[in-house]
């Protein structure tokens, strides 16, 4: 759940939520993440905010984006 009252920016909260799902095994290597539009609607966030969270997870090596295919879990 993304909290508007938190001192942590929403993109960091979303990255943390997705990171926990990946590390916890809820999202396995090879799984496709929901689209940026879907995540935006699901969490009530702007698409640019969701994109920032995805970029952070890419930097951490947890996901990779394939143009035209989506974003996939690489590992924990």
Protein backbone atom coordinates (compact mmCIF):
# COMPACT_ATOMS: atom_id res chain seq x y z
CA UNK A 1 0.00 0.00 0.00
CA UNK A 2 1.36 3.38 -1.00
CA UNK A 3 0.94 5.99 1.74
CA UNK A 4 0.59 9.65 0.79
CA UNK A 5 1.43 10.57 4.42
CA UNK A 6 4.81 8.83 4.39
CA UNK A 7 8.08 10.78 4.29
CA UNK A 8 9.25 8.18 1.75
CA UNK A 9 8.49 9.25 -1.85
CA UNK A 10 5.81 7.18 -3.61
CA UNK A 11 8.26 5.82 -6.22
CA UNK A 12 10.48 4.48 -3.43
CA UNK A 13 7.47 2.92 -1.71
CA UNK A 14 6.44 1.19 -4.94
CA UNK A 15 9.99 0.03 -5.62
CA UNK A 16 10.11 -1.36 -2.08
CA UNK A 17 6.80 -3.17 -2.54
CA UNK A 18 7.89 -4.76 -5.82
CA UNK A 19 11.35 -5.56 -4.40
CA UNK A 20 9.76 -7.36 -1.45
CA UNK A 21 7.56 -9.38 -3.83
CA UNK A 22 10.60 -10.40 -5.88
CA UNK A 23 12.83 -11.24 -2.91
CA UNK A 24 9.94 -13.01 -1.16
CA UNK A 25 9.34 -15.23 -4.18
CA UNK A 26 5.89 -13.88 -5.00
CA UNK A 27 7.32 -12.79 -8.36
CA UNK A 28 9.73 -15.40 -9.73
CA UNK A 29 12.53 -14.97 -12.27
CA UNK A 30 10.98 -14.75 -15.73
CA UNK A 31 7.67 -13.38 -14.45
CA UNK A 32 6.40 -10.34 -16.29
CA UNK A 33 5.50 -7.33 -14.17
CA UNK A 34 2.19 -5.60 -14.81
CA UNK A 35 2.45 -2.72 -17.29
CA UNK A 36 3.29 0.78 -16.14
CA UNK A 37 -0.30 1.77 -16.91
CA UNK A 38 -1.65 -1.12 -14.82
CA UNK A 39 0.65 -0.40 -11.88
CA UNK A 40 -0.24 3.29 -12.13
CA UNK A 41 -3.96 2.55 -11.95
CA UNK A 42 -3.60 -0.11 -9.26
CA UNK A 43 -1.62 2.14 -6.91
CA UNK A 44 -3.10 5.51 -7.85
CA UNK A 45 0.23 6.87 -9.04
CA UNK A 46 1.35 8.84 -12.07
CA UNK A 47 2.99 6.77 -14.80
CA UNK A 48 6.22 8.76 -14.41
CA UNK A 49 6.30 7.73 -10.73
CA UNK A 50 5.87 4.06 -11.63
CA UNK A 51 8.55 4.34 -14.32
CA UNK A 52 10.97 5.79 -11.74
CA UNK A 53 10.37 2.79 -9.45
CA UNK A 54 10.98 0.36 -12.34
CA UNK A 55 14.22 2.15 -13.28
CA UNK A 56 15.42 1.77 -9.69
CA UNK A 57 14.72 -1.97 -9.76
CA UNK A 58 16.60 -2.19 -13.08
CA UNK A 59 19.61 -0.49 -11.46
CA UNK A 60 19.46 -3.08 -8.69
CA UNK A 61 19.41 -5.89 -11.26
CA UNK A 62 16.04 -7.23 -10.12
CA UNK A 63 14.17 -6.58 -13.37
CA UNK A 64 14.89 -5.92 -17.01
CA UNK A 65 12.76 -4.22 -19.61
CA UNK A 66 12.47 -5.59 -23.12
CA UNK A 67 11.18 -3.04 -25.59
CA UNK A 68 7.80 -4.08 -26.90
CA UNK A 69 7.57 -7.04 -24.48
CA UNK A 70 7.46 -5.61 -20.95
CA UNK A 71 9.44 -5.75 -17.76
CA UNK A 72 10.57 -9.10 -16.38
CA UNK A 73 11.97 -10.31 -13.06
CA UNK A 74 15.62 -11.32 -13.40
CA UNK A 75 16.24 -12.60 -9.89
CA UNK A 76 16.63 -11.65 -6.27
